[in-house]
C-alpha atoms as a PDB file:
ATOM      1  CA  UNK A   1       0.000   0.000   0.000  1.00  0.00           C
ATOM      2  CA  UNK A   2       1.270   3.472  -0.909  1.00  0.00           C
ATOM      3  CA  UNK A   3       0.424   6.249   1.534  1.00  0.00           C
ATOM      4  CA  UNK A   4       0.585   9.801   0.222  1.00  0.00           C
ATOM      5  CA  UNK A   5       0.768  12.809   2.501  1.00  0.00           C
ATOM      6  CA  UNK A   6      -0.208  16.211   1.147  1.00  0.00           C
ATOM      7  CA  UNK A   7       1.610  19.239   2.494  1.00  0.00           C
ATOM      8  CA  UNK A   8      -0.812  21.647   4.129  1.00  0.00           C
ATOM      9  CA  UNK A   9      -0.173  25.371   4.172  1.00  0.00           C
ATOM     10  CA  UNK A  10      -0.684  27.118   7.499  1.00  0.00           C
ATOM     11  CA  UNK A  11      -4.259  27.691   8.617  1.00  0.00           C
ATOM     12  CA  UNK A  12      -4.896  31.413   8.195  1.00  0.00           C
ATOM     13  CA  UNK A  13      -8.627  31.368   8.837  1.00  0.00           C
ATOM     14  CA  UNK A  14      -9.619  30.824   5.204  1.00  0.00           C
ATOM     15  CA  UNK A  15     -13.177  29.565   4.740  1.00  0.00           C
ATOM     16  CA  UNK A  16     -15.205  28.999   1.595  1.00  0.00           C
ATOM     17  CA  UNK A  17     -18.281  26.808   1.256  1.00  0.00           C
ATOM     18  CA  UNK A  18     -17.194  25.859  -2.276  1.00  0.00           C
ATOM     19  CA  UNK A  19     -14.011  24.217  -0.937  1.00  0.00           C
ATOM     20  CA  UNK A  20     -14.875  23.290   2.662  1.00  0.00           C
ATOM     21  CA  UNK A  21     -11.751  21.187   3.158  1.00  0.00           C
ATOM     22  CA  UNK A  22      -9.364  24.119   2.744  1.00  0.00           C
ATOM     23  CA  UNK A  23      -8.216  26.254   5.662  1.00  0.00           C
ATOM     24  CA  UNK A  24      -5.473  28.203   3.932  1.00  0.00           C
ATOM     25  CA  UNK A  25      -5.707  31.014   1.371  1.00  0.00           C
ATOM     26  CA  UNK A  26      -2.331  29.785   0.054  1.00  0.00           C
ATOM     27  CA  UNK A  27      -3.837  26.381  -0.764  1.00  0.00           C
ATOM     28  CA  UNK A  28      -6.849  28.069  -2.362  1.00  0.00           C
ATOM     29  CA  UNK A  29      -4.589  30.328  -4.412  1.00  0.00           C
ATOM     30  CA  UNK A  30      -2.606  27.354  -5.623  1.00  0.00           C
ATOM     31  CA  UNK A  31      -5.837  25.661  -6.676  1.00  0.00           C
ATOM     32  CA  UNK A  32      -6.712  28.769  -8.697  1.00  0.00           C
ATOM     33  CA  UNK A  33      -3.281  28.589 -10.346  1.00  0.00           C
ATOM     34  CA  UNK A  34      -3.613  24.918 -11.267  1.00  0.00           C
ATOM     35  CA  UNK A  35      -7.159  25.258 -12.567  1.00  0.00           C
ATOM     36  CA  UNK A  36      -6.024  28.221 -14.677  1.00  0.00           C
ATOM     37  CA  UNK A  37      -3.152  26.233 -16.162  1.00  0.00           C
ATOM     38  CA  UNK A  38      -5.358  23.219 -16.888  1.00  0.00           C
ATOM     39  CA  UNK A  39      -8.018  25.371 -18.555  1.00  0.00           C
ATOM     40  CA  UNK A  40      -5.413  27.089 -20.723  1.00  0.00           C
ATOM     41  CA  UNK A  41      -3.910  23.720 -21.628  1.00  0.00           C
ATOM     42  CA  UNK A  42      -7.292  22.455 -22.853  1.00  0.00           C
ATOM     43  CA  UNK A  43      -7.697  25.584 -24.983  1.00  0.00           C
ATOM     44  CA  UNK A  44      -4.170  25.028 -26.322  1.00  0.00           C
ATOM     45  CA  UNK A  45      -5.135  21.470 -27.314  1.00  0.00           C
ATOM     46  CA  UNK A  46      -8.200  22.743 -29.154  1.00  0.00           C
ATOM     47  CA  UNK A  47      -6.554  25.677 -30.954  1.00  0.00           C
ATOM     48  CA  UNK A  48      -2.760  25.227 -31.172  1.00  0.00           C
ATOM     49  CA  UNK A  49      -1.806  21.706 -30.030  1.00  0.00           C
ATOM     50  CA  UNK A  50       1.963  21.290 -29.599  1.00  0.00           C
ATOM     51  CA  UNK A  51       4.124  18.328 -30.599  1.00  0.00           C
ATOM     52  CA  UNK A  52       2.375  15.009 -31.149  1.00  0.00           C
ATOM     53  CA  UNK A  53      -0.920  16.562 -30.062  1.00  0.00           C
ATOM     54  CA  UNK A  54      -0.750  18.607 -33.259  1.00  0.00           C
ATOM     55  CA  UNK A  55      -0.228  15.437 -35.273  1.00  0.00           C
ATOM     56  CA  UNK A  56      -3.289  13.870 -33.643  1.00  0.00           C
ATOM     57  CA  UNK A  57      -5.367  16.926 -34.534  1.00  0.00           C
ATOM     58  CA  UNK A  58      -4.108  16.747 -38.137  1.00  0.00           C
ATOM     59  CA  UNK A  59      -5.017  13.048 -38.336  1.00  0.00           C
ATOM     60  CA  UNK A  60      -8.494  13.834 -37.021  1.00  0.00           C
ATOM     61  CA  UNK A  61      -8.922  16.648 -39.543  1.00  0.00           C
ATOM     62  CA  UNK A  62      -8.166  14.383 -42.478  1.00  0.00           C
ATOM     63  CA  UNK A  63     -10.340  11.555 -41.197  1.00  0.00           C
ATOM     64  CA  UNK A  64      -7.623   9.127 -40.120  1.00  0.00           C
ATOM     65  CA  UNK A  65      -9.330   8.533 -36.799  1.00  0.00           C
ATOM     66  CA  UNK A  66      -7.902   5.078 -36.041  1.00  0.00           C
ATOM     67  CA  UNK A  67      -4.320   6.314 -36.375  1.00  0.00           C
ATOM     68  CA  UNK A  68      -5.211   9.377 -34.324  1.00  0.00           C
ATOM     69  CA  UNK A  69      -6.747   7.303 -31.521  1.00  0.00           C
ATOM     70  CA  UNK A  70      -3.758   4.947 -31.498  1.00  0.00           C
ATOM     71  CA  UNK A  71      -1.351   7.870 -31.150  1.00  0.00           C
ATOM     72  CA  UNK A  72      -3.580   9.380 -28.462  1.00  0.00           C
ATOM     73  CA  UNK A  73      -3.561   6.082 -26.591  1.00  0.00           C
ATOM     74  CA  UNK A  74       0.254   5.960 -26.716  1.00  0.00           C
ATOM     75  CA  UNK A  75       0.487   9.547 -25.437  1.00  0.00           C
ATOM     76  CA  UNK A  76      -1.877   8.842 -22.534  1.00  0.00           C
ATOM     77  CA  UNK A  77      -0.315   5.445 -21.762  1.00  0.00           C
ATOM     78  CA  UNK A  78       3.346   6.499 -21.868  1.00  0.00           C
ATOM     79  CA  UNK A  79       2.895  10.186 -20.872  1.00  0.00           C
ATOM     80  CA  UNK A  80       4.938  13.129 -22.213  1.00  0.00           C
ATOM     81  CA  UNK A  81       8.248  13.720 -20.468  1.00  0.00           C
ATOM     82  CA  UNK A  82       8.940  16.642 -18.152  1.00  0.00           C
ATOM     83  CA  UNK A  83      12.189  18.653 -18.185  1.00  0.00           C
ATOM     84  CA  UNK A  84      13.037  17.449 -21.691  1.00  0.00           C
ATOM     85  CA  UNK A  85      13.781  19.443 -24.821  1.00  0.00           C
ATOM     86  CA  UNK A  86      11.071  17.428 -26.573  1.00  0.00           C
ATOM     87  CA  UNK A  87       8.476  15.971 -24.180  1.00  0.00           C
ATOM     88  CA  UNK A  88       7.228  13.642 -26.931  1.00  0.00           C
ATOM     89  CA  UNK A  89      10.605  12.250 -27.993  1.00  0.00           C
ATOM     90  CA  UNK A  90      10.275   8.843 -26.291  1.00  0.00           C
ATOM     91  CA  UNK A  91       6.735   8.311 -27.596  1.00  0.00           C
ATOM     92  CA  UNK A  92       7.731   9.330 -31.128  1.00  0.00           C
ATOM     93  CA  UNK A  93      10.715   6.975 -31.093  1.00  0.00           C
ATOM     94  CA  UNK A  94       8.617   3.988 -29.957  1.00  0.00           C
ATOM     95  CA  UNK A  95       5.586   4.667 -32.131  1.00  0.00           C
ATOM     96  CA  UNK A  96       4.556   2.329 -34.952  1.00  0.00           C
ATOM     97  CA  UNK A  97       1.585   2.832 -37.322  1.00  0.00           C
ATOM     98  CA  UNK A  98      -1.743   1.400 -36.256  1.00  0.00           C
ATOM     99  CA  UNK A  99      -2.398  -0.240 -39.608  1.00  0.00           C
ATOM    100  CA  UNK A 100       0.914  -2.137 -39.408  1.00  0.00           C
ATOM    101  CA  UNK A 101      -0.460  -4.302 -36.600  1.00  0.00           C
ATOM    102  CA  UNK A 102       2.950  -4.084 -34.895  1.00  0.00           C
ATOM    103  CA  UNK A 103       3.636  -3.192 -31.279  1.00  0.00           C
ATOM    104  CA  UNK A 104       5.979  -0.424 -30.121  1.00  0.00           C
ATOM    105  CA  UNK A 105       9.209  -1.560 -28.512  1.00  0.00           C
ATOM    106  CA  UNK A 106       9.114  -0.244 -24.962  1.00  0.00           C
ATOM    107  CA  UNK A 107      12.297  -1.767 -23.534  1.00  0.00           C
ATOM    108  CA  UNK A 108      14.077   0.936 -21.549  1.00  0.00           C
ATOM    109  CA  UNK A 109      11.697   3.680 -22.699  1.00  0.00           C
ATOM    110  CA  UNK A 110      11.637   6.925 -20.714  1.00  0.00           C
ATOM    111  CA  UNK A 111       8.232   7.444 -19.119  1.00  0.00           C
ATOM    112  CA  UNK A 112       6.377  10.591 -18.160  1.00  0.00           C
ATOM    113  CA  UNK A 113       4.841  11.183 -14.709  1.00  0.00           C
ATOM    114  CA  UNK A 114       1.328  10.072 -15.702  1.00  0.00           C
ATOM    115  CA  UNK A 115       2.392   6.866 -17.443  1.00  0.00           C
ATOM    116  CA  UNK A 116       0.527   3.613 -16.829  1.00  0.00           C
ATOM    117  CA  UNK A 117       3.255   1.443 -18.350  1.00  0.00           C
ATOM    118  CA  UNK A 118       4.702  -1.240 -16.092  1.00  0.00           C
ATOM    119  CA  UNK A 119       8.055  -2.390 -17.531  1.00  0.00           C
ATOM    120  CA  UNK A 120       7.681  -5.714 -15.706  1.00  0.00           C
ATOM    121  CA  UNK A 121       4.596  -6.470 -17.816  1.00  0.00           C
ATOM    122  CA  UNK A 122       6.253  -5.664 -21.137  1.00  0.00           C
ATOM    123  CA  UNK A 123       3.814  -5.169 -24.008  1.00  0.00           C
ATOM    124  CA  UNK A 124       0.843  -6.700 -22.173  1.00  0.00           C
ATOM    125  CA  UNK A 125      -1.168  -3.458 -22.290  1.00  0.00           C
ATOM    126  CA  UNK A 126      -0.452  -2.893 -25.986  1.00  0.00           C
ATOM    127  CA  UNK A 127      -1.626  -6.419 -26.794  1.00  0.00           C
ATOM    128  CA  UNK A 128      -4.739  -5.870 -24.683  1.00  0.00           C
ATOM    129  CA  UNK A 129      -5.526  -2.590 -26.443  1.00  0.00           C
ATOM    130  CA  UNK A 130      -5.280  -4.127 -29.914  1.00  0.00           C
ATOM    131  CA  UNK A 131      -7.402  -7.111 -28.850  1.00  0.00           C
ATOM    132  CA  UNK A 132      -9.988  -4.730 -27.339  1.00  0.00           C
ATOM    133  CA  UNK A 133     -10.180  -2.752 -30.595  1.00  0.00           C
ATOM    134  CA  UNK A 134     -10.445  -5.906 -32.714  1.00  0.00           C
ATOM    135  CA  UNK A 135     -13.267  -7.279 -30.571  1.00  0.00           C
ATOM    136  CA  UNK A 136     -15.233  -4.044 -30.878  1.00  0.00           C
ATOM    137  CA  UNK A 137     -14.644  -3.590 -34.596  1.00  0.00           C
ATOM    138  CA  UNK A 138     -12.409  -0.545 -34.253  1.00  0.00           C
ATOM    139  CA  UNK A 139     -11.198   1.918 -31.631  1.00  0.00           C
ATOM    140  CA  UNK A 140     -13.583   4.562 -32.920  1.00  0.00           C
ATOM    141  CA  UNK A 141     -16.603   2.264 -33.018  1.00  0.00           C
ATOM    142  CA  UNK A 142     -16.119   1.408 -29.350  1.00  0.00           C
ATOM    143  CA  UNK A 143     -15.433   4.955 -28.148  1.00  0.00           C
ATOM    144  CA  UNK A 144     -17.921   6.876 -30.288  1.00  0.00           C
ATOM    145  CA  UNK A 145     -20.804   4.607 -29.362  1.00  0.00           C
ATOM    146  CA  UNK A 146     -24.293   5.594 -30.478  1.00  0.00           C
ATOM    147  CA  UNK A 147     -24.885   8.688 -32.644  1.00  0.00           C
ATOM    148  CA  UNK A 148     -27.786   9.656 -30.348  1.00  0.00           C
ATOM    149  CA  UNK A 149     -25.513  10.047 -27.298  1.00  0.00           C
ATOM    150  CA  UNK A 150     -24.665  13.547 -26.162  1.00  0.00           C
ATOM    151  CA  UNK A 151     -21.033  14.491 -25.532  1.00  0.00           C
ATOM    152  CA  UNK A 152     -21.207  13.867 -21.778  1.00  0.00           C
ATOM    153  CA  UNK A 153     -22.752  10.434 -22.065  1.00  0.00           C
ATOM    154  CA  UNK A 154     -20.185   9.535 -24.737  1.00  0.00           C
ATOM    155  CA  UNK A 155     -17.341  10.570 -22.407  1.00  0.00           C
ATOM    156  CA  UNK A 156     -18.649   8.409 -19.574  1.00  0.00           C
ATOM    157  CA  UNK A 157     -19.280   5.394 -21.792  1.00  0.00           C
ATOM    158  CA  UNK A 158     -15.905   5.701 -23.529  1.00  0.00           C
ATOM    159  CA  UNK A 159     -14.233   5.833 -20.110  1.00  0.00           C
ATOM    160  CA  UNK A 160     -16.135   2.719 -19.005  1.00  0.00           C
ATOM    161  CA  UNK A 161     -15.227   0.844 -22.172  1.00  0.00           C
ATOM    162  CA  UNK A 162     -11.516   1.537 -21.624  1.00  0.00           C
ATOM    163  CA  UNK A 163     -11.467  -0.539 -18.433  1.00  0.00           C
ATOM    164  CA  UNK A 164      -8.424  -2.574 -19.447  1.00  0.00           C
ATOM    165  CA  UNK A 165      -6.321  -4.183 -16.676  1.00  0.00           C
ATOM    166  CA  UNK A 166      -3.548  -1.802 -15.694  1.00  0.00           C
ATOM    167  CA  UNK A 167      -5.000   1.185 -17.569  1.00  0.00           C
ATOM    168  CA  UNK A 168      -5.959   3.157 -14.478  1.00  0.00           C
ATOM    169  CA  UNK A 169      -8.132   6.171 -13.873  1.00  0.00           C
ATOM    170  CA  UNK A 170      -5.551   8.886 -14.682  1.00  0.00           C
ATOM    171  CA  UNK A 171      -4.494   7.662 -18.162  1.00  0.00           C
ATOM    172  CA  UNK A 172      -8.055   6.596 -19.044  1.00  0.00           C
ATOM    173  CA  UNK A 173      -9.489   9.995 -18.175  1.00  0.00           C
ATOM    174  CA  UNK A 174      -6.649  11.715 -20.016  1.00  0.00           C
ATOM    175  CA  UNK A 175      -7.147   9.533 -23.087  1.00  0.00           C
ATOM    176  CA  UNK A 176     -10.837  10.386 -23.439  1.00  0.00           C
ATOM    177  CA  UNK A 177     -10.191  14.058 -22.638  1.00  0.00           C
ATOM    178  CA  UNK A 178      -7.536  14.224 -25.355  1.00  0.00           C
ATOM    179  CA  UNK A 179      -9.713  12.370 -27.862  1.00  0.00           C
ATOM    180  CA  UNK A 180     -12.441  14.957 -27.305  1.00  0.00           C
ATOM    181  CA  UNK A 181     -10.216  18.038 -27.296  1.00  0.00           C
ATOM    182  CA  UNK A 182      -8.314  16.987 -30.424  1.00  0.00           C
ATOM    183  CA  UNK A 183     -11.409  16.235 -32.500  1.00  0.00           C
ATOM    184  CA  UNK A 184     -11.432  12.429 -32.605  1.00  0.00           C
ATOM    185  CA  UNK A 185     -14.751  11.948 -30.802  1.00  0.00           C
ATOM    186  CA  UNK A 186     -17.385  14.311 -29.451  1.00  0.00           C
ATOM    187  CA  UNK A 187     -16.821  13.813 -25.727  1.00  0.00           C
ATOM    188  CA  UNK A 188     -16.910  16.233 -22.779  1.00  0.00           C
ATOM    189  CA  UNK A 189     -16.905  15.072 -19.130  1.00  0.00           C
ATOM    190  CA  UNK A 190     -19.809  15.767 -16.807  1.00  0.00           C
ATOM    191  CA  UNK A 191     -18.191  14.059 -13.813  1.00  0.00           C
ATOM    192  CA  UNK A 192     -14.725  13.416 -12.410  1.00  0.00           C
ATOM    193  CA  UNK A 193     -15.115   9.617 -12.200  1.00  0.00           C
ATOM    194  CA  UNK A 194     -13.127   9.404  -8.979  1.00  0.00           C
ATOM    195  CA  UNK A 195     -13.769   5.750  -8.119  1.00  0.00           C
ATOM    196  CA  UNK A 196     -10.002   5.045  -7.904  1.00  0.00           C
ATOM    197  CA  UNK A 197      -9.346   5.954  -4.270  1.00  0.00           C
ATOM    198  CA  UNK A 198      -5.554   5.708  -4.648  1.00  0.00           C
ATOM    199  CA  UNK A 199      -5.274   8.138  -7.583  1.00  0.00           C
ATOM    200  CA  UNK A 200      -3.755  11.523  -6.744  1.00  0.00           C
ATOM    201  CA  UNK A 201      -6.699  13.498  -8.215  1.00  0.00           C
ATOM    202  CA  UNK A 202      -9.107  11.546  -5.990  1.00  0.00           C
ATOM    203  CA  UNK A 203      -7.056  12.127  -2.857  1.00  0.00           C
ATOM    204  CA  UNK A 204      -6.614  15.812  -3.639  1.00  0.00           C
ATOM    205  CA  UNK A 205     -10.352  16.186  -4.277  1.00  0.00           C
ATOM    206  CA  UNK A 206     -11.175  14.590  -0.920  1.00  0.00           C
ATOM    207  CA  UNK A 207      -9.000  17.126   0.841  1.00  0.00           C
ATOM    208  CA  UNK A 208     -10.217  20.145  -1.111  1.00  0.00           C
ATOM    209  CA  UNK A 209     -13.905  19.342  -0.849  1.00  0.00           C
ATOM    210  CA  UNK A 210     -13.697  17.954   2.677  1.00  0.00           C
ATOM    211  CA  UNK A 211     -15.493  14.685   2.043  1.00  0.00           C
ATOM    212  CA  UNK A 212     -14.734  11.175   0.811  1.00  0.00           C
ATOM    213  CA  UNK A 213     -17.913  10.236  -1.039  1.00  0.00           C
ATOM    214  CA  UNK A 214     -17.210  10.412  -4.824  1.00  0.00           C
ATOM    215  CA  UNK A 215     -20.791  11.500  -5.584  1.00  0.00           C
ATOM    216  CA  UNK A 216     -20.655  14.385  -3.119  1.00  0.00           C
ATOM    217  CA  UNK A 217     -17.183  15.334  -4.328  1.00  0.00           C
ATOM    218  CA  UNK A 218     -18.570  15.460  -7.840  1.00  0.00           C
ATOM    219  CA  UNK A 219     -21.450  17.666  -6.729  1.00  0.00           C
ATOM    220  CA  UNK A 220     -19.132  20.076  -4.942  1.00  0.00           C
ATOM    221  CA  UNK A 221     -16.717  20.143  -7.875  1.00  0.00           C
ATOM    222  CA  UNK A 222     -19.688  20.926 -10.117  1.00  0.00           C
ATOM    223  CA  UNK A 223     -20.696  23.806  -7.842  1.00  0.00           C
ATOM    224  CA  UNK A 224     -17.165  25.247  -7.996  1.00  0.00           C
ATOM    225  CA  UNK A 225     -17.026  24.790 -11.774  1.00  0.00           C
ATOM    226  CA  UNK A 226     -20.355  26.593 -12.190  1.00  0.00           C
ATOM    227  CA  UNK A 227     -19.379  29.449  -9.863  1.00  0.00           C
ATOM    228  CA  UNK A 228     -16.015  29.918 -11.567  1.00  0.00           C
ATOM    229  CA  UNK A 229     -17.415  29.443 -15.082  1.00  0.00           C
ATOM    230  CA  UNK A 230     -15.102  26.556 -15.987  1.00  0.00           C
ATOM    231  CA  UNK A 231     -15.590  23.049 -17.373  1.00  0.00           C
ATOM    232  CA  UNK A 232     -14.993  19.915 -15.328  1.00  0.00           C
ATOM    233  CA  UNK A 233     -12.415  18.643 -17.831  1.00  0.00           C
ATOM    234  CA  UNK A 234      -9.835  21.006 -16.328  1.00  0.00           C
ATOM    235  CA  UNK A 235     -10.185  19.543 -12.843  1.00  0.00           C
ATOM    236  CA  UNK A 236      -8.395  16.281 -13.634  1.00  0.00           C
ATOM    237  CA  UNK A 237      -4.923  17.723 -14.296  1.00  0.00           C
ATOM    238  CA  UNK A 238      -5.496  20.560 -11.831  1.00  0.00           C
ATOM    239  CA  UNK A 239      -6.248  18.170  -8.980  1.00  0.00           C
ATOM    240  CA  UNK A 240      -3.230  16.016  -9.792  1.00  0.00           C
ATOM    241  CA  UNK A 241      -0.942  19.038  -9.853  1.00  0.00           C
ATOM    242  CA  UNK A 242      -2.466  20.534  -6.725  1.00  0.00           C
ATOM    243  CA  UNK A 243      -1.866  17.273  -4.871  1.00  0.00           C
ATOM    244  CA  UNK A 244       1.568  16.535  -6.332  1.00  0.00           C
ATOM    245  CA  UNK A 245       4.462  16.022  -3.943  1.00  0.00           C
ATOM    246  CA  UNK A 246       6.743  19.043  -3.809  1.00  0.00           C
ATOM    247  CA  UNK A 247       4.319  21.190  -5.772  1.00  0.00           C
ATOM    248  CA  UNK A 248       5.995  20.346  -9.103  1.00  0.00           C
ATOM    249  CA  UNK A 249       3.567  20.917 -11.959  1.00  0.00           C
ATOM    250  CA  UNK A 250       2.995  18.255 -14.600  1.00  0.00           C
ATOM    251  CA  UNK A 251       2.724  20.138 -17.893  1.00  0.00           C
ATOM    252  CA  UNK A 252       1.675  17.049 -19.889  1.00  0.00           C
ATOM    253  CA  UNK A 253       3.463  18.268 -23.012  1.00  0.00           C
ATOM    254  CA  UNK A 254       2.028  21.781 -22.925  1.00  0.00           C
ATOM    255  CA  UNK A 255       4.049  24.676 -24.332  1.00  0.00           C
ATOM    256  CA  UNK A 256       2.338  27.230 -22.065  1.00  0.00           C
ATOM    257  CA  UNK A 257       4.293  29.585 -19.776  1.00  0.00           C
ATOM    258  CA  UNK A 258       4.413  28.699 -16.082  1.00  0.00           C
ATOM    259  CA  UNK A 259       2.522  31.797 -14.953  1.00  0.00           C
ATOM    260  CA  UNK A 260      -1.268  31.491 -15.255  1.00  0.00           C
ATOM    261  CA  UNK A 261      -3.131  33.741 -17.661  1.00  0.00           C
ATOM    262  CA  UNK A 262      -4.574  36.537 -15.456  1.00  0.00           C
ATOM    263  CA  UNK A 263      -7.773  36.677 -17.512  1.00  0.00           C
ATOM    264  CA  UNK A 264      -8.332  32.941 -17.066  1.00  0.00           C
ATOM    265  CA  UNK A 265      -7.436  32.992 -13.376  1.00  0.00           C
ATOM    266  CA  UNK A 266      -9.565  35.998 -12.388  1.00  0.00           C
ATOM    267  CA  UNK A 267     -13.031  34.347 -12.243  1.00  0.00           C
ATOM    268  CA  UNK A 268     -11.581  31.292 -10.500  1.00  0.00           C
ATOM    269  CA  UNK A 269      -9.822  33.451  -7.918  1.00  0.00           C
ATOM    270  CA  UNK A 270     -13.049  35.404  -7.391  1.00  0.00           C
ATOM    271  CA  UNK A 271     -14.989  32.181  -6.729  1.00  0.00           C
ATOM    272  CA  UNK A 272     -12.289  30.979  -4.348  1.00  0.00           C
ATOM    273  CA  UNK A 273     -12.075  34.384  -2.622  1.00  0.00           C
ATOM    274  CA  UNK A 274      -8.324  34.779  -3.163  1.00  0.00           C
ATOM    275  CA  UNK A 275      -6.145  37.368  -4.887  1.00  0.00           C
END
């Protein structure tokens, strides 16, 4: 069992019904920073995706959805590197085309902080992903589901259908978020899907919202999102970064500056009652 301890800033009398677990304006301010970064990153993915994200968007635009979903899966599964000249270099080096039927060679590959790859299990996940796609007809057929579904239902169902052994909550949520933001499927989250109690976003959410029940956490996160005028999709990366040890931000391949955009941060800070 892994036990994570979050560093608490000093209690300075901060109170806010939107985030009842917080007692420090410093913690609330950091949450505003991380939500701002995550929101800007989602906008970057939609309008000017960097690195391999841009290639995924180009594949989606020309209708090569299977190749785009395969590359998106590899990005979510292996995770972009931090503190590297090219955060996508390891993924690009390992990548093989979807239509080739081959598997990437992952021996000794450098992994990003959100990776689900277990070197001890070799290519087990890659084999499972290809078998999953073959059983369902195609990656897109499984993830897109029924044409009548709205974007939120499609997100939830796609997430459920990606329940492959070893492909945990963080990479699964990231995969569907990326697929939606980059134009591969019409999917937008309506919930945080925090069933994985050991995931950093889940643990951070419990502390911020002052409760352990995933349904009540989701309700409180929805209240904060509505008050701040932001979408729930941003909460996933924001919660992970807020709860990260040492306060080191995961950029997930973003090319954005470290400082949050003041215009993006302002309504969040107003909702959280911080400067």
